[in-house]
C-alpha atoms as a PDB file:
ATOM      1  CA  MET A   1      81.122 126.040  17.836  1.00  0.00           C
ATOM      2  CA  LYS A   2      81.492 127.164  14.239  1.00  0.00           C
ATOM      3  CA  ASP A   3      81.242 130.472  12.439  1.00  0.00           C
ATOM      4  CA  TYR A   4      79.617 130.988   9.069  1.00  0.00           C
ATOM      5  CA  THR A   5      78.760 133.980   6.925  1.00  0.00           C
ATOM      6  CA  CYS A   6      75.202 134.720   5.818  1.00  0.00           C
ATOM      7  CA  LYS A   7      74.969 134.592   2.004  1.00  0.00           C
ATOM      8  CA  CYS A   8      72.441 137.439   2.010  1.00  0.00           C
ATOM      9  CA  CYS A   9      73.778 140.132   4.354  1.00  0.00           C
ATOM     10  CA  GLY A  10      77.319 138.912   5.082  1.00  0.00           C
ATOM     11  CA  GLN A  11      76.818 138.834   8.845  1.00  0.00           C
ATOM     12  CA  VAL A  12      79.026 136.344  10.718  1.00  0.00           C
ATOM     13  CA  VAL A  13      76.963 134.009  12.899  1.00  0.00           C
ATOM     14  CA  THR A  14      78.179 131.443  15.427  1.00  0.00           C
ATOM     15  CA  ILE A  15      76.377 128.099  15.702  1.00  0.00           C
ATOM     16  CA  PHE A  16      76.828 125.080  17.952  1.00  0.00           C
ATOM     17  CA  ASP A  17      78.288 121.842  16.600  1.00  0.00           C
ATOM     18  CA  ASP A  18      74.964 119.980  16.857  1.00  0.00           C
ATOM     19  CA  GLU A  19      73.113 122.499  14.643  1.00  0.00           C
ATOM     20  CA  ARG A  20      73.150 121.891  10.940  1.00  0.00           C
ATOM     21  CA  ARG A  21      75.034 124.364   8.786  1.00  0.00           C
ATOM     22  CA  LYS A  22      72.848 127.243   7.688  1.00  0.00           C
ATOM     23  CA  GLN A  23      73.178 129.423   4.613  1.00  0.00           C
ATOM     24  CA  PHE A  24      71.360 132.475   5.981  1.00  0.00           C
ATOM     25  CA  CYS A  25      71.090 134.226   9.345  1.00  0.00           C
ATOM     26  CA  ASP A  26      67.741 134.038  11.159  1.00  0.00           C
ATOM     27  CA  VAL A  27      66.584 137.485  10.005  1.00  0.00           C
ATOM     28  CA  CYS A  28      67.330 136.818   6.327  1.00  0.00           C
ATOM     29  CA  ALA A  29      65.768 133.338   6.519  1.00  0.00           C
ATOM     30  CA  LYS A  30      62.482 134.775   7.822  1.00  0.00           C
ATOM     31  CA  GLU A  31      62.442 137.440   5.093  1.00  0.00           C
ATOM     32  CA  ARG A  32      63.098 134.840   2.387  1.00  0.00           C
ATOM     33  CA  THR A  33      60.318 132.596   3.734  1.00  0.00           C
ATOM     34  CA  ALA A  34      57.839 135.480   3.787  1.00  0.00           C
ATOM     35  CA  LYS A  35      58.741 136.444   0.200  1.00  0.00           C
ATOM     36  CA  SER A  36      58.378 132.832  -0.922  1.00  0.00           C
ATOM     37  CA  LYS A  37      54.915 132.492   0.646  1.00  0.00           C
ATOM     38  CA  LYS A  38      53.770 135.776  -0.893  1.00  0.00           C
ATOM     39  CA  ARG A  39      55.032 134.715  -4.332  1.00  0.00           C
ATOM     40  CA  ALA A  40      53.272 131.337  -4.064  1.00  0.00           C
ATOM     41  CA  ALA A  41      50.003 133.008  -3.065  1.00  0.00           C
ATOM     42  CA  THR A  42      50.238 135.401  -6.016  1.00  0.00           C
ATOM     43  CA  HIS A  43      50.849 132.547  -8.470  1.00  0.00           C
ATOM     44  CA  ARG A  44      47.934 130.558  -7.013  1.00  0.00           C
ATOM     45  CA  GLN A  45      45.595 133.561  -7.353  1.00  0.00           C
ATOM     46  CA  MET A  46      46.675 134.105 -10.961  1.00  0.00           C
ATOM     47  CA  LYS A  47      46.100 130.434 -11.804  1.00  0.00           C
ATOM     48  CA  ASP A  48      42.671 130.493 -10.134  1.00  0.00           C
ATOM     49  CA  GLN A  49      41.677 133.601 -12.114  1.00  0.00           C
ATOM     50  CA  VAL A  50      42.709 131.986 -15.414  1.00  0.00           C
ATOM     51  CA  MET A  51      40.648 128.882 -14.599  1.00  0.00           C
ATOM     52  CA  ARG A  52      37.606 131.031 -13.729  1.00  0.00           C
ATOM     53  CA  ASP A  53      38.035 132.994 -16.965  1.00  0.00           C
ATOM     54  CA  CYS A  54      37.896 129.688 -18.838  1.00  0.00           C
ATOM     55  CA  GLY A  55      34.508 129.003 -17.246  1.00  0.00           C
ATOM     56  CA  LEU A  56      35.652 126.364 -14.763  1.00  0.00           C
ATOM     57  CA  VAL A  57      34.457 126.076 -11.180  1.00  0.00           C
ATOM     58  CA  LYS A  58      36.654 125.063  -8.260  1.00  0.00           C
ATOM     59  CA  VAL A  59      35.116 122.163  -6.328  1.00  0.00           C
ATOM     60  CA  ARG A  60      36.123 119.978  -3.393  1.00  0.00           C
ATOM     61  CA  GLY A  61      36.035 116.224  -3.901  1.00  0.00           C
ATOM     62  CA  ALA A  62      34.597 113.680  -1.501  1.00  0.00           C
ATOM     63  CA  LEU A  63      38.066 112.807  -0.163  1.00  0.00           C
ATOM     64  CA  GLY A  64      39.081 116.432   0.327  1.00  0.00           C
ATOM     65  CA  GLY A  65      40.908 117.054  -2.931  1.00  0.00           C
ATOM     66  CA  ILE A  66      40.341 120.293  -4.838  1.00  0.00           C
ATOM     67  CA  TYR A  67      39.870 120.237  -8.586  1.00  0.00           C
ATOM     68  CA  TRP A  68      38.322 122.248 -11.424  1.00  0.00           C
ATOM     69  CA  GLU A  69      35.327 121.154 -13.481  1.00  0.00           C
END
């Protein structure tokens, strides 16, 4: 068993030898993932709005790809 310190909150967490070394505790990791997903969604919405403002239409291709025309 090994101890490591979370880089976000400083909490000391114990892990088993077979687990890979983590940088963040479970609580901080979930918060960071949620923030990352929210940021990605916001950037995607902004990009989509710019494309619509340029007069483009979002379409789905025959093989399932999404593109603007």
